[in-house]
């Protein structure tokens, strides 16, 4: 007659370990995820101060407005009003262009006018749209790609006259 008393730790030792493994894996996973998020946040903080262009947003618009006035067959009396907007484009080595968020300097949206981009890999370009119009709603539109480091116009386009309805 063997009166052996079994302790709960002897009977259930492996069962307790099985319950702890998923909790440990979850804890390690959460710490890893937190570390990655912290690394991305730190990276963004360090890149915010980096300016991807020597030519500012305002300067790119000024260059385009001067160029509009130099366009042949431009009748400033017929279309005296001008308005312009610019967006910074990052041309990657994959011959793709991305519109850059000017606050965080990160690539955001794919740029659609990529027929000119293969020549300008690994550069930043300003895409400036200029609209000239009169009081009757008639107008002309011009757009320019301006090298963001030098201010040189690398491509341009003018559409046909239109009427705003």
Protein backbone atom coordinates (compact mmCIF):
# COMPACT_ATOMS: atom_id res chain seq x y z
CA UNK A 1 0.00 0.00 0.00
CA UNK A 2 1.72 2.92 -1.27
CA UNK A 3 0.22 6.15 -0.04
CA UNK A 4 1.70 8.51 -2.53
CA UNK A 5 0.42 12.03 -2.50
CA UNK A 6 0.62 13.80 -5.81
CA UNK A 7 1.27 17.50 -5.78
CA UNK A 8 -0.57 19.68 -8.24
CA UNK A 9 2.70 20.99 -9.72
CA UNK A 10 3.78 17.44 -10.55
CA UNK A 11 0.49 16.64 -12.24
CA UNK A 12 -0.15 19.87 -14.09
CA UNK A 13 3.32 21.32 -14.73
CA UNK A 14 3.14 20.95 -18.51
CA UNK A 15 -0.41 22.27 -18.66
CA UNK A 16 0.62 25.57 -17.03
CA UNK A 17 3.49 25.94 -19.49
CA UNK A 18 1.17 25.42 -22.45
CA UNK A 19 -1.04 28.24 -21.20
CA UNK A 20 1.94 30.61 -20.81
CA UNK A 21 3.43 30.12 -24.32
CA UNK A 22 0.68 32.03 -26.23
CA UNK A 23 0.84 34.85 -23.68
CA UNK A 24 4.63 35.08 -24.07
CA UNK A 25 4.34 35.05 -27.87
CA UNK A 26 1.69 37.76 -27.74
CA UNK A 27 3.84 39.87 -25.41
CA UNK A 28 6.91 39.50 -27.65
CA UNK A 29 4.81 40.33 -30.72
CA UNK A 30 3.39 43.46 -29.11
CA UNK A 31 6.84 44.64 -28.01
CA UNK A 32 8.15 44.05 -31.55
CA UNK A 33 5.24 45.95 -33.09
CA UNK A 34 5.77 48.81 -30.64
CA UNK A 35 9.47 48.92 -31.51
CA UNK A 36 8.71 49.10 -35.23
CA UNK A 37 6.18 51.89 -34.74
CA UNK A 38 8.69 53.82 -32.62
CA UNK A 39 11.39 53.36 -35.28
CA UNK A 40 9.08 54.70 -38.01
CA UNK A 41 8.09 57.68 -35.84
CA UNK A 42 11.73 58.50 -35.11
CA UNK A 43 12.63 58.18 -38.81
CA UNK A 44 9.83 60.58 -39.77
CA UNK A 45 10.98 63.10 -37.18
CA UNK A 46 14.51 63.09 -38.59
CA UNK A 47 13.38 63.38 -42.21
CA UNK A 48 10.97 66.28 -41.65
CA UNK A 49 13.85 68.77 -41.59
CA UNK A 50 15.27 67.49 -44.89
CA UNK A 51 14.24 69.71 -47.78
CA UNK A 52 14.04 67.72 -51.05
CA UNK A 53 14.17 70.83 -53.22
CA UNK A 54 16.32 73.92 -53.50
CA UNK A 55 13.53 75.76 -55.32
CA UNK A 56 10.59 76.55 -53.04
CA UNK A 57 6.92 76.10 -53.85
CA UNK A 58 6.54 79.87 -54.28
CA UNK A 59 9.67 80.17 -56.46
CA UNK A 60 8.47 77.37 -58.78
CA UNK A 61 5.18 79.24 -59.28
CA UNK A 62 7.05 82.48 -59.98
CA UNK A 63 9.21 80.73 -62.62
CA UNK A 64 6.08 79.33 -64.30
CA UNK A 65 4.24 82.68 -64.27
CA UNK A 66 7.22 84.39 -65.91
CA UNK A 67 7.32 81.61 -68.52
CA UNK A 68 3.61 82.01 -69.28
CA UNK A 69 4.22 85.67 -70.10
CA UNK A 70 6.98 84.59 -72.54
CA UNK A 71 4.79 82.04 -74.36
CA UNK A 72 4.43 82.71 -78.07
CA UNK A 73 0.96 83.61 -79.21
CA UNK A 74 0.03 84.55 -75.63
CA UNK A 75 -2.44 87.39 -75.73
CA UNK A 76 -2.28 88.89 -72.24
CA UNK A 77 -5.06 91.34 -73.11
CA UNK A 78 -7.48 88.48 -73.94
CA UNK A 79 -6.62 86.42 -70.85
CA UNK A 80 -5.42 88.92 -68.23
CA UNK A 81 -6.12 86.88 -65.09
CA UNK A 82 -3.72 84.18 -63.89
CA UNK A 83 -3.80 81.62 -61.11
CA UNK A 84 -1.29 78.88 -60.40
CA UNK A 85 -0.71 75.87 -58.20
CA UNK A 86 2.28 73.58 -57.74
CA UNK A 87 2.99 70.12 -56.43
CA UNK A 88 6.35 68.48 -55.78
CA UNK A 89 7.03 65.25 -57.67
CA UNK A 90 9.63 62.68 -56.62
CA UNK A 91 10.83 60.69 -59.63
CA UNK A 92 12.21 57.35 -58.44
CA UNK A 93 14.67 55.03 -60.11
CA UNK A 94 11.76 52.80 -61.12
CA UNK A 95 10.64 55.50 -63.57
CA UNK A 96 7.67 56.31 -61.42
CA UNK A 97 6.73 59.65 -60.02
CA UNK A 98 5.05 60.31 -56.70
CA UNK A 99 3.42 63.48 -55.45
CA UNK A 100 5.28 64.44 -52.27
CA UNK A 101 3.53 65.54 -49.10
CA UNK A 102 5.22 68.89 -48.50
CA UNK A 103 4.90 68.67 -44.72
CA UNK A 104 6.39 65.22 -44.13
CA UNK A 105 8.36 65.01 -47.42
CA UNK A 106 7.11 61.49 -48.01
CA UNK A 107 5.94 60.03 -51.31
CA UNK A 108 2.17 59.83 -51.30
CA UNK A 109 0.27 59.42 -54.58
CA UNK A 110 1.43 58.19 -57.97
CA UNK A 111 1.93 61.03 -60.43
CA UNK A 112 0.06 60.50 -63.69
CA UNK A 113 2.14 62.44 -66.27
CA UNK A 114 5.00 59.98 -66.36
CA UNK A 115 5.93 60.15 -70.05
CA UNK A 116 8.69 62.65 -69.17
CA UNK A 117 9.92 60.93 -66.04
CA UNK A 118 12.31 58.35 -67.51
CA UNK A 119 14.79 61.13 -68.27
CA UNK A 120 14.74 62.50 -64.73
CA UNK A 121 15.27 59.46 -62.49
CA UNK A 122 16.12 60.07 -58.81
CA UNK A 123 15.16 63.74 -58.92
CA UNK A 124 12.51 66.09 -57.63
CA UNK A 125 10.42 68.16 -60.03
CA UNK A 126 7.80 70.81 -59.48
CA UNK A 127 4.63 70.35 -61.53
CA UNK A 128 3.13 73.83 -61.87
CA UNK A 129 -0.30 74.42 -63.41
CA UNK A 130 -1.09 77.95 -64.60
CA UNK A 131 -4.53 78.97 -65.75
CA UNK A 132 -5.06 82.23 -67.61
CA UNK A 133 -8.63 83.42 -68.08
CA UNK A 134 -10.84 86.39 -68.79
CA UNK A 135 -14.04 87.65 -67.18
CA UNK A 136 -16.17 85.66 -69.68
CA UNK A 137 -14.88 82.32 -68.38
CA UNK A 138 -12.64 81.64 -71.36
CA UNK A 139 -9.11 80.54 -70.67
CA UNK A 140 -5.90 78.72 -71.44
CA UNK A 141 -4.03 76.28 -69.29
CA UNK A 142 -0.28 75.71 -69.15
CA UNK A 143 1.74 73.27 -67.09
CA UNK A 144 5.45 73.07 -66.48
CA UNK A 145 7.82 70.55 -64.95
CA UNK A 146 10.57 72.49 -63.20
CA UNK A 147 13.75 70.87 -61.83
CA UNK A 148 13.49 71.38 -58.07
CA UNK A 149 17.24 71.71 -57.62
CA UNK A 150 18.03 74.20 -60.42
CA UNK A 151 14.76 75.91 -61.39
CA UNK A 152 15.18 74.88 -65.03
CA UNK A 153 11.97 74.13 -66.97
CA UNK A 154 12.33 70.57 -68.25
CA UNK A 155 8.90 70.09 -69.89
CA UNK A 156 5.87 72.19 -70.74
CA UNK A 157 2.41 71.89 -72.23
CA UNK A 158 -0.39 74.22 -73.29
CA UNK A 159 -3.95 73.14 -73.92
CA UNK A 160 -6.38 74.63 -76.40
CA UNK A 161 -8.65 77.47 -75.35
CA UNK A 162 -11.68 76.42 -73.34
CA UNK A 163 -14.82 77.97 -71.93
CA UNK A 164 -15.95 77.40 -68.37
CA UNK A 165 -19.61 76.43 -68.36
